Every structure is written in C-alpha cells, then in structure tokens.
Amino acid sequence: MLKRAVFAAVLAGTALSGACAPMASYSGFQAIESNPRDVKPGEDSKASVRGRLGSPSSISAFDPNVWIYMNQTKETVAFMRPVVTRRDVTVITFDKETEAVKTVDNLTLADGKVIAFNGRETPTRGRELTVIEQLIGSIGAGGLLPREEEGVPGSRPGDRR
C-alpha cells in the first residue's frame, strides 16, 4: 500500500512538474543554412546577401541601403508573462554606388534600451462636442426617407417610377 502511495506521488509530481517547464517561442529571421553574422564587409554584395539570407526582416525607412535581420526567443513559464531570453539584430549597410557590404553590426539583448512609454494623448484641433451636442447635431442632417431626386430605394440612379 505504501509503495502505491509513493508511486502515485512520484507520478503526480512528474506530471505536474512538466506543466512548469518553460515554453520557448521563436520569432523573426531564423538562420537555417547561413547566419547573418557570416556576412563579410567588402566581400559580399546585396545580391549575394539576398541569395544567402533571403529578404531582410526590415529595411531602414531613411536609407534603403541599410538592411536589418532580427530574431528573438521568448520563454513562458506557466501563467507568467513571457520573458525575452535572446535577441539578435544584424544591421548590414551597403555602399550606394557598388552595392557592396560596407559594415555589419551585430547587436544583442544587452544592447537594447528600455523606452519609457508616455500614456498622454495628443489633443486634436477644434472643440470637443458633448454627448448632447453629438446626439442633437445629427438631427436634420439627413433623413431616413429617400429624397425625391434619389428615387426609390433599390432603384438605379436616374430611374423614375
């Protein structure tokens, strides 16, 4: 009887500990055959980088000669918030004339910066309407019945009955 209780406790502990194992999720560029870190300045070109790595994760909005390959790994344990455990960003800059690789910058999670979010709202121009003004303001703006010049609902424009 004691052996069964110990066996059941060990079995239950093993089953429950599996629920607390971290689950990893991967997002972004996944290097399969070639790694963005292997790109060599002066040796590779835009065509060779695109051929080896494929399309970049992002292209700079200010300079189309700056390509960015990003990936990150998040781990989630049970019901806790996901935690980013790894982030790799490779920034490849190309020469404008020759399209050869000029620089390759490798950034990690340690290079990232936390940005303080500001929850304030930007005011819009004009005045704000109250609820009453919004409700009353639409009265008379348009009728529910069709106007005579528009015809009957369901008819084609210009169709007179």
N, C-alpha and C. Protein backbone atom coordinates (compact mmCIF):
# COMPACT_ATOMS: atom_id res chain seq x y z
N MET A 1 0.82 -1.19 0.00
CA MET A 1 0.00 0.00 0.00
C MET A 1 0.87 1.26 0.00
N LEU A 2 1.93 1.23 0.80
CA LEU A 2 2.84 2.38 0.87
C LEU A 2 3.57 2.57 -0.46
N LYS A 3 3.90 1.45 -1.13
CA LYS A 3 4.57 1.55 -2.42
C LYS A 3 3.67 2.23 -3.45
N ARG A 4 2.38 1.91 -3.41
CA ARG A 4 1.44 2.53 -4.34
C ARG A 4 1.32 4.03 -4.09
N ALA A 5 1.28 4.43 -2.84
CA ALA A 5 1.17 5.85 -2.50
C ALA A 5 2.42 6.60 -2.94
N VAL A 6 3.58 6.02 -2.71
CA VAL A 6 4.84 6.66 -3.13
C VAL A 6 4.89 6.74 -4.65
N PHE A 7 4.49 5.66 -5.32
CA PHE A 7 4.49 5.65 -6.79
C PHE A 7 3.53 6.70 -7.34
N ALA A 8 2.34 6.81 -6.74
CA ALA A 8 1.35 7.79 -7.18
C ALA A 8 1.87 9.22 -6.95
N ALA A 9 2.54 9.44 -5.82
CA ALA A 9 3.08 10.77 -5.53
C ALA A 9 4.18 11.14 -6.51
N VAL A 10 5.06 10.19 -6.82
CA VAL A 10 6.14 10.44 -7.78
C VAL A 10 5.56 10.69 -9.17
N LEU A 11 4.56 9.91 -9.55
CA LEU A 11 3.93 10.08 -10.86
C LEU A 11 3.22 11.44 -10.95
N ALA A 12 2.51 11.83 -9.91
CA ALA A 12 1.82 13.12 -9.90
C ALA A 12 2.83 14.27 -9.92
N GLY A 13 3.91 14.15 -9.17
CA GLY A 13 4.95 15.18 -9.16
C GLY A 13 5.61 15.34 -10.51
N THR A 14 5.84 14.22 -11.18
CA THR A 14 6.44 14.27 -12.52
C THR A 14 5.49 14.93 -13.51
N ALA A 15 4.22 14.59 -13.44
CA ALA A 15 3.24 15.16 -14.36
C ALA A 15 3.07 16.66 -14.12
N LEU A 16 3.03 17.07 -12.86
CA LEU A 16 2.86 18.49 -12.55
C LEU A 16 4.10 19.31 -12.85
N SER A 17 5.27 18.73 -12.70
CA SER A 17 6.49 19.50 -12.99
C SER A 17 6.63 19.77 -14.49
N GLY A 18 6.04 18.94 -15.32
CA GLY A 18 6.07 19.18 -16.76
C GLY A 18 5.27 20.40 -17.15
N ALA A 19 4.25 20.74 -16.35
CA ALA A 19 3.44 21.93 -16.64
C ALA A 19 4.20 23.21 -16.34
N CYS A 20 5.23 23.13 -15.52
CA CYS A 20 6.01 24.32 -15.16
C CYS A 20 7.25 24.48 -16.03
N ALA A 21 7.45 23.62 -16.98
CA ALA A 21 8.61 23.74 -17.86
C ALA A 21 8.42 24.94 -18.77
N PRO A 22 9.48 25.70 -19.01
CA PRO A 22 9.33 26.87 -19.88
C PRO A 22 9.05 26.47 -21.33
N MET A 23 8.17 27.24 -21.96
CA MET A 23 7.86 27.03 -23.38
C MET A 23 8.55 28.15 -24.15
N ALA A 24 9.35 27.78 -25.13
CA ALA A 24 10.08 28.77 -25.92
C ALA A 24 9.32 29.07 -27.21
N SER A 25 9.30 30.34 -27.58
CA SER A 25 8.73 30.73 -28.86
C SER A 25 9.76 31.58 -29.60
N TYR A 26 9.88 31.32 -30.88
CA TYR A 26 10.88 31.98 -31.71
C TYR A 26 10.17 32.87 -32.72
N SER A 27 10.68 34.09 -32.91
CA SER A 27 10.09 34.98 -33.89
C SER A 27 11.19 35.72 -34.63
N GLY A 28 10.86 36.17 -35.83
CA GLY A 28 11.83 36.89 -36.63
C GLY A 28 12.56 35.99 -37.60
N PHE A 29 13.72 36.44 -38.04
CA PHE A 29 14.53 35.73 -39.02
C PHE A 29 15.14 34.50 -38.37
N GLN A 30 14.95 33.35 -38.96
CA GLN A 30 15.54 32.11 -38.45
C GLN A 30 16.63 31.64 -39.39
N ALA A 31 17.87 31.68 -38.92
CA ALA A 31 19.01 31.27 -39.75
C ALA A 31 19.04 29.75 -39.83
N ILE A 32 18.89 29.21 -41.04
CA ILE A 32 18.90 27.77 -41.23
C ILE A 32 20.23 27.33 -41.84
N GLU A 33 20.51 27.81 -43.03
CA GLU A 33 21.74 27.42 -43.70
C GLU A 33 22.85 28.44 -43.52
N SER A 34 22.50 29.71 -43.43
CA SER A 34 23.50 30.76 -43.35
C SER A 34 23.10 31.75 -42.27
N ASN A 35 24.07 32.27 -41.55
CA ASN A 35 23.83 33.19 -40.46
C ASN A 35 24.17 34.61 -40.92
N PRO A 36 23.38 35.62 -40.55
CA PRO A 36 23.70 36.99 -40.94
C PRO A 36 25.06 37.46 -40.40
N ARG A 37 25.52 36.85 -39.31
CA ARG A 37 26.82 37.22 -38.75
C ARG A 37 27.97 36.81 -39.66
N ASP A 38 27.72 35.90 -40.60
CA ASP A 38 28.77 35.42 -41.50
C ASP A 38 29.00 36.35 -42.70
N VAL A 39 28.21 37.40 -42.84
CA VAL A 39 28.37 38.33 -43.96
C VAL A 39 29.66 39.12 -43.75
N LYS A 40 30.48 39.20 -44.79
CA LYS A 40 31.79 39.85 -44.71
C LYS A 40 31.77 41.20 -45.44
N PRO A 41 32.16 42.28 -44.76
CA PRO A 41 32.26 43.57 -45.44
C PRO A 41 33.31 43.53 -46.55
N GLY A 42 32.96 44.11 -47.69
CA GLY A 42 33.88 44.16 -48.82
C GLY A 42 33.82 42.93 -49.71
N GLU A 43 33.38 41.80 -49.19
CA GLU A 43 33.33 40.56 -49.98
C GLU A 43 31.94 40.29 -50.55
N ASP A 44 30.92 40.57 -49.76
CA ASP A 44 29.55 40.27 -50.18
C ASP A 44 28.89 41.51 -50.79
N SER A 45 27.83 41.25 -51.57
CA SER A 45 27.05 42.33 -52.19
C SER A 45 25.58 42.14 -51.81
N LYS A 46 24.75 43.09 -52.25
CA LYS A 46 23.31 42.97 -51.98
C LYS A 46 22.75 41.67 -52.54
N ALA A 47 23.16 41.35 -53.76
CA ALA A 47 22.64 40.14 -54.42
C ALA A 47 23.07 38.89 -53.67
N SER A 48 24.32 38.83 -53.22
CA SER A 48 24.79 37.62 -52.52
C SER A 48 24.14 37.50 -51.14
N VAL A 49 23.93 38.63 -50.47
CA VAL A 49 23.27 38.59 -49.16
C VAL A 49 21.82 38.15 -49.32
N ARG A 50 21.12 38.71 -50.31
CA ARG A 50 19.73 38.29 -50.54
C ARG A 50 19.67 36.82 -50.96
N GLY A 51 20.62 36.37 -51.73
CA GLY A 51 20.64 34.97 -52.16
C GLY A 51 20.89 34.01 -51.01
N ARG A 52 21.77 34.38 -50.09
CA ARG A 52 22.09 33.50 -48.95
C ARG A 52 21.07 33.60 -47.83
N LEU A 53 20.63 34.82 -47.50
CA LEU A 53 19.78 35.02 -46.33
C LEU A 53 18.31 35.25 -46.65
N GLY A 54 18.02 35.64 -47.88
CA GLY A 54 16.64 35.97 -48.23
C GLY A 54 16.35 37.43 -47.91
N SER A 55 15.09 37.80 -47.96
CA SER A 55 14.69 39.18 -47.70
C SER A 55 14.97 39.55 -46.25
N PRO A 56 15.36 40.79 -45.99
CA PRO A 56 15.62 41.20 -44.61
C PRO A 56 14.33 41.33 -43.81
N SER A 57 14.46 41.29 -42.49
CA SER A 57 13.30 41.50 -41.62
C SER A 57 12.76 42.90 -41.79
N SER A 58 13.66 43.85 -42.02
CA SER A 58 13.26 45.24 -42.18
C SER A 58 14.32 45.97 -43.01
N ILE A 59 13.86 46.98 -43.73
CA ILE A 59 14.76 47.87 -44.46
C ILE A 59 14.56 49.25 -43.86
N SER A 60 15.64 49.96 -43.60
CA SER A 60 15.56 51.27 -42.97
C SER A 60 14.65 52.20 -43.77
N ALA A 61 13.82 52.94 -43.06
CA ALA A 61 12.91 53.88 -43.71
C ALA A 61 13.66 55.09 -44.26
N PHE A 62 14.82 55.38 -43.71
CA PHE A 62 15.57 56.56 -44.12
C PHE A 62 16.65 56.26 -45.15
N ASP A 63 17.11 55.01 -45.21
CA ASP A 63 18.17 54.64 -46.15
C ASP A 63 17.91 53.22 -46.63
N PRO A 64 17.54 53.04 -47.90
CA PRO A 64 17.26 51.68 -48.39
C PRO A 64 18.50 50.79 -48.48
N ASN A 65 19.68 51.34 -48.20
CA ASN A 65 20.91 50.55 -48.22
C ASN A 65 21.25 50.01 -46.84
N VAL A 66 20.33 50.08 -45.90
CA VAL A 66 20.52 49.52 -44.56
C VAL A 66 19.48 48.42 -44.37
N TRP A 67 19.96 47.18 -44.28
CA TRP A 67 19.09 46.03 -44.08
C TRP A 67 19.25 45.53 -42.66
N ILE A 68 18.14 45.06 -42.09
CA ILE A 68 18.15 44.60 -40.70
C ILE A 68 17.55 43.20 -40.65
N TYR A 69 18.31 42.27 -40.06
CA TYR A 69 17.83 40.91 -39.82
C TYR A 69 17.68 40.77 -38.30
N MET A 70 16.45 40.44 -37.84
CA MET A 70 16.17 40.36 -36.41
C MET A 70 15.58 39.00 -36.05
N ASN A 71 15.91 38.52 -34.86
CA ASN A 71 15.23 37.36 -34.30
C ASN A 71 15.28 37.45 -32.78
N GLN A 72 14.32 36.78 -32.14
CA GLN A 72 14.32 36.76 -30.68
C GLN A 72 13.66 35.49 -30.19
N THR A 73 14.02 35.13 -28.97
CA THR A 73 13.47 33.95 -28.31
C THR A 73 12.81 34.40 -27.01
N LYS A 74 11.56 33.97 -26.81
CA LYS A 74 10.83 34.27 -25.58
C LYS A 74 10.53 32.96 -24.87
N GLU A 75 10.59 32.99 -23.55
CA GLU A 75 10.22 31.83 -22.76
C GLU A 75 9.07 32.19 -21.84
N THR A 76 8.09 31.29 -21.78
CA THR A 76 6.93 31.48 -20.92
C THR A 76 6.86 30.31 -19.96
N VAL A 77 6.74 30.61 -18.67
CA VAL A 77 6.60 29.57 -17.65
C VAL A 77 5.21 29.69 -17.06
N ALA A 78 4.43 28.62 -17.19
CA ALA A 78 3.07 28.53 -16.67
C ALA A 78 2.25 29.74 -17.09
N PHE A 79 1.74 30.50 -16.14
CA PHE A 79 0.86 31.63 -16.43
C PHE A 79 1.61 32.96 -16.36
N MET A 80 2.91 32.92 -16.19
CA MET A 80 3.70 34.15 -16.06
C MET A 80 3.83 34.85 -17.41
N ARG A 81 4.26 36.11 -17.36
CA ARG A 81 4.50 36.88 -18.58
C ARG A 81 5.68 36.31 -19.34
N PRO A 82 5.64 36.37 -20.67
CA PRO A 82 6.80 35.91 -21.45
C PRO A 82 8.02 36.79 -21.17
N VAL A 83 9.19 36.16 -21.15
CA VAL A 83 10.44 36.87 -20.92
C VAL A 83 11.32 36.67 -22.14
N VAL A 84 11.84 37.76 -22.70
CA VAL A 84 12.75 37.65 -23.84
C VAL A 84 14.09 37.18 -23.31
N THR A 85 14.53 36.02 -23.75
CA THR A 85 15.80 35.46 -23.28
C THR A 85 16.94 35.70 -24.26
N ARG A 86 16.62 35.94 -25.51
CA ARG A 86 17.67 36.16 -26.50
C ARG A 86 17.13 37.04 -27.63
N ARG A 87 17.95 37.98 -28.05
CA ARG A 87 17.59 38.82 -29.19
C ARG A 87 18.87 39.10 -29.98
N ASP A 88 18.82 38.84 -31.26
CA ASP A 88 19.95 39.10 -32.15
C ASP A 88 19.48 40.00 -33.28
N VAL A 89 20.18 41.10 -33.48
CA VAL A 89 19.88 42.04 -34.56
C VAL A 89 21.17 42.25 -35.34
N THR A 90 21.11 41.99 -36.64
CA THR A 90 22.26 42.22 -37.50
C THR A 90 21.89 43.32 -38.49
N VAL A 91 22.66 44.40 -38.45
CA VAL A 91 22.43 45.55 -39.33
C VAL A 91 23.52 45.54 -40.39
N ILE A 92 23.09 45.41 -41.65
CA ILE A 92 24.03 45.35 -42.77
C ILE A 92 23.86 46.63 -43.58
N THR A 93 24.96 47.37 -43.75
CA THR A 93 24.95 48.61 -44.52
C THR A 93 25.68 48.38 -45.83
N PHE A 94 25.05 48.81 -46.94
CA PHE A 94 25.64 48.64 -48.27
C PHE A 94 26.13 49.98 -48.80
N ASP A 95 27.15 49.92 -49.65
CA ASP A 95 27.64 51.11 -50.34
C ASP A 95 26.62 51.50 -51.41
N LYS A 96 26.36 52.80 -51.57
CA LYS A 96 25.33 53.24 -52.50
C LYS A 96 25.70 52.97 -53.96
N GLU A 97 26.96 53.16 -54.32
CA GLU A 97 27.35 53.00 -55.72
C GLU A 97 27.61 51.54 -56.10
N THR A 98 28.40 50.85 -55.30
CA THR A 98 28.82 49.49 -55.68
C THR A 98 27.90 48.40 -55.15
N GLU A 99 27.03 48.74 -54.19
CA GLU A 99 26.13 47.79 -53.52
C GLU A 99 26.90 46.68 -52.80
N ALA A 100 28.16 46.95 -52.46
CA ALA A 100 28.95 46.01 -51.66
C ALA A 100 28.67 46.26 -50.18
N VAL A 101 28.85 45.23 -49.37
CA VAL A 101 28.63 45.37 -47.94
C VAL A 101 29.69 46.30 -47.36
N LYS A 102 29.22 47.37 -46.70
CA LYS A 102 30.15 48.33 -46.11
C LYS A 102 30.44 47.96 -44.65
N THR A 103 29.38 47.76 -43.86
CA THR A 103 29.55 47.40 -42.45
C THR A 103 28.53 46.35 -42.04
N VAL A 104 28.89 45.58 -41.02
CA VAL A 104 27.98 44.59 -40.42
C VAL A 104 28.03 44.82 -38.91
N ASP A 105 26.92 45.21 -38.33
CA ASP A 105 26.83 45.45 -36.88
C ASP A 105 25.95 44.38 -36.27
N ASN A 106 26.48 43.71 -35.23
CA ASN A 106 25.73 42.67 -34.52
C ASN A 106 25.34 43.20 -33.15
N LEU A 107 24.05 43.22 -32.87
CA LEU A 107 23.53 43.70 -31.60
C LEU A 107 22.82 42.56 -30.89
N THR A 108 22.86 42.57 -29.55
CA THR A 108 22.21 41.52 -28.76
C THR A 108 21.21 42.16 -27.80
N LEU A 109 20.65 41.33 -26.95
CA LEU A 109 19.68 41.79 -25.96
C LEU A 109 20.31 42.82 -25.02
N ALA A 110 21.59 42.66 -24.72
CA ALA A 110 22.27 43.59 -23.82
C ALA A 110 22.40 44.99 -24.43
N ASP A 111 22.37 45.09 -25.74
CA ASP A 111 22.49 46.39 -26.41
C ASP A 111 21.16 47.15 -26.47
N GLY A 112 20.07 46.48 -26.13
CA GLY A 112 18.76 47.11 -26.20
C GLY A 112 18.56 48.14 -25.11
N LYS A 113 17.62 49.04 -25.32
CA LYS A 113 17.30 50.08 -24.34
C LYS A 113 15.82 50.03 -24.05
N VAL A 114 15.47 50.24 -22.80
CA VAL A 114 14.07 50.29 -22.39
C VAL A 114 13.57 51.72 -22.63
N ILE A 115 12.47 51.82 -23.34
CA ILE A 115 11.90 53.13 -23.65
C ILE A 115 10.68 53.34 -22.76
N ALA A 116 10.66 54.48 -22.08
CA ALA A 116 9.53 54.80 -21.21
C ALA A 116 8.33 55.19 -22.06
N PHE A 117 7.23 54.49 -21.86
CA PHE A 117 6.01 54.77 -22.61
C PHE A 117 5.29 55.94 -21.97
N ASN A 118 4.86 56.88 -22.78
CA ASN A 118 4.12 58.03 -22.30
C ASN A 118 2.66 57.83 -22.66
N GLY A 119 1.79 57.77 -21.69
CA GLY A 119 0.38 57.48 -21.92
C GLY A 119 -0.47 58.70 -22.23
N ARG A 120 0.14 59.88 -22.33
CA ARG A 120 -0.65 61.07 -22.62
C ARG A 120 -1.19 61.02 -24.03
N GLU A 121 -2.26 61.77 -24.27
CA GLU A 121 -2.88 61.82 -25.59
C GLU A 121 -2.57 63.15 -26.26
N THR A 122 -2.43 63.10 -27.56
CA THR A 122 -2.22 64.33 -28.32
C THR A 122 -3.58 64.95 -28.60
N PRO A 123 -3.79 66.21 -28.21
CA PRO A 123 -5.09 66.83 -28.46
C PRO A 123 -5.28 67.11 -29.94
N THR A 124 -6.52 67.03 -30.38
CA THR A 124 -6.83 67.34 -31.77
C THR A 124 -7.32 68.77 -31.87
N ARG A 125 -7.25 69.30 -33.07
CA ARG A 125 -7.70 70.68 -33.27
C ARG A 125 -9.22 70.74 -33.24
N GLY A 126 -9.73 71.90 -32.92
CA GLY A 126 -11.18 72.07 -32.86
C GLY A 126 -11.68 71.91 -31.45
N ARG A 127 -12.97 71.99 -31.29
CA ARG A 127 -13.52 71.88 -29.95
C ARG A 127 -14.14 70.50 -29.77
N GLU A 128 -14.26 70.10 -28.53
CA GLU A 128 -14.85 68.80 -28.24
C GLU A 128 -16.35 68.95 -28.06
N LEU A 129 -17.09 68.03 -28.64
CA LEU A 129 -18.54 68.05 -28.54
C LEU A 129 -18.98 67.24 -27.33
N THR A 130 -20.03 67.72 -26.66
CA THR A 130 -20.60 66.95 -25.57
C THR A 130 -21.49 65.86 -26.16
N VAL A 131 -21.94 64.96 -25.32
CA VAL A 131 -22.81 63.87 -25.78
C VAL A 131 -24.11 64.44 -26.33
N ILE A 132 -24.68 65.43 -25.67
CA ILE A 132 -25.93 66.04 -26.13
C ILE A 132 -25.73 66.68 -27.50
N GLU A 133 -24.63 67.42 -27.68
CA GLU A 133 -24.36 68.06 -28.96
C GLU A 133 -24.19 67.03 -30.08
N GLN A 134 -23.59 65.90 -29.75
CA GLN A 134 -23.42 64.85 -30.76
C GLN A 134 -24.76 64.25 -31.15
N LEU A 135 -25.65 64.03 -30.17
CA LEU A 135 -26.96 63.44 -30.47
C LEU A 135 -27.85 64.42 -31.23
N ILE A 136 -27.91 65.65 -30.77
CA ILE A 136 -28.79 66.64 -31.40
C ILE A 136 -28.21 67.12 -32.72
N GLY A 137 -26.91 67.14 -32.84
CA GLY A 137 -26.27 67.65 -34.05
C GLY A 137 -26.58 66.86 -35.29
N SER A 138 -26.95 65.60 -35.15
CA SER A 138 -27.24 64.79 -36.34
C SER A 138 -28.70 64.90 -36.77
N ILE A 139 -29.54 65.55 -35.97
CA ILE A 139 -30.95 65.70 -36.35
C ILE A 139 -31.04 66.70 -37.49
N GLY A 140 -31.70 66.33 -38.54
CA GLY A 140 -31.88 67.19 -39.68
C GLY A 140 -30.73 67.12 -40.68
N ALA A 141 -29.66 66.46 -40.34
CA ALA A 141 -28.54 66.36 -41.27
C ALA A 141 -28.88 65.44 -42.43
N GLY A 142 -29.64 64.45 -42.19
CA GLY A 142 -30.04 63.52 -43.24
C GLY A 142 -31.31 62.83 -42.81
N GLY A 143 -32.19 62.57 -43.74
CA GLY A 143 -33.45 61.94 -43.39
C GLY A 143 -33.39 60.44 -43.58
N LEU A 144 -34.33 59.77 -42.97
CA LEU A 144 -34.44 58.33 -43.17
C LEU A 144 -35.17 58.00 -44.45
N LEU A 145 -36.04 58.92 -44.90
CA LEU A 145 -36.80 58.68 -46.12
C LEU A 145 -35.98 59.16 -47.32
N PRO A 146 -36.12 58.49 -48.46
CA PRO A 146 -35.36 58.93 -49.63
C PRO A 146 -35.87 60.26 -50.16
N ARG A 147 -34.97 61.04 -50.70
CA ARG A 147 -35.37 62.29 -51.34
C ARG A 147 -35.96 61.96 -52.69
N GLU A 148 -36.79 62.84 -53.19
CA GLU A 148 -37.46 62.58 -54.46
C GLU A 148 -36.48 62.46 -55.61
N GLU A 149 -35.41 63.25 -55.57
CA GLU A 149 -34.47 63.20 -56.69
C GLU A 149 -33.61 61.93 -56.68
N GLU A 150 -33.58 61.21 -55.56
CA GLU A 150 -32.78 60.00 -55.49
C GLU A 150 -33.56 58.77 -55.93
N GLY A 151 -34.86 58.86 -56.02
CA GLY A 151 -35.65 57.71 -56.42
C GLY A 151 -36.01 56.83 -55.25
N VAL A 152 -36.51 55.68 -55.55
CA VAL A 152 -36.96 54.73 -54.55
C VAL A 152 -35.80 53.82 -54.17
N PRO A 153 -35.70 53.43 -52.89
CA PRO A 153 -34.61 52.52 -52.52
C PRO A 153 -34.65 51.25 -53.37
N GLY A 154 -33.50 50.84 -53.83
CA GLY A 154 -33.40 49.64 -54.66
C GLY A 154 -33.42 49.93 -56.14
N SER A 155 -33.73 51.17 -56.52
CA SER A 155 -33.76 51.50 -57.95
C SER A 155 -32.40 52.04 -58.38
N ARG A 156 -32.19 52.03 -59.68
CA ARG A 156 -30.94 52.54 -60.23
C ARG A 156 -30.99 54.05 -60.28
N PRO A 157 -29.81 54.71 -60.27
CA PRO A 157 -29.80 56.17 -60.39
C PRO A 157 -30.42 56.59 -61.71
N GLY A 158 -31.22 57.61 -61.66
CA GLY A 158 -31.87 58.11 -62.86
C GLY A 158 -33.13 57.35 -63.24
N ASP A 159 -33.47 56.30 -62.51
CA ASP A 159 -34.65 55.50 -62.81
C ASP A 159 -35.86 56.18 -62.16
N ARG A 160 -36.84 56.59 -62.94
CA ARG A 160 -38.03 57.27 -62.42
C ARG A 160 -39.20 56.31 -62.44
N ARG A 161 -39.98 56.31 -61.39
CA ARG A 161 -41.17 55.46 -61.34
C ARG A 161 -42.40 56.27 -61.24
